[in-house]
Amino acid sequence: MTKVRTPGRTMAALGGGLFVLCAAAIPVSHAAEIYRDGDTAIRWDNTLKYSAAFRLNNPDPALVTDSNGDDGDRNFRAGVISDRVDLLSELGLRAGSLGVEASAAAWYDTVYNEGTDN
């Protein structure tokens, strides 16, 4: 059996690993109290998250026979299958024993923004 070298994948994996290690050292949640007067406060919280997923093997030909039931397996070859950044932002107002909160979530995945192999 001959070992196939793939320097591009190796460099991508090393770069991804280095990014994850650097990102792990950075605090991902930030909060700011915008206003405070006695028992009234306005607070803004933000959480930033990065995640990645990798497929280790190409789709098995035995599993990709049904054209309508295997898109989850056909869509990705071996390599990065998810490269996602998430942001959760929360705004809260508290006055005495009453309060209200509003939140919004946003995300971007570079892999899902591209075409698939299918």
Foldseek 3Di string as FASTA:
>chain_A
DDDDDDVVQVVVVVVVVVVVVVVVVDDFKDKDWPDDDPFKTKMKIKGKDWDWDWAAAQQDPVQPDDPPPCCVRQFDGGTTQWTKMKMKMKIKITDPPDIDMDIDMDMDTPNVVDGTRD
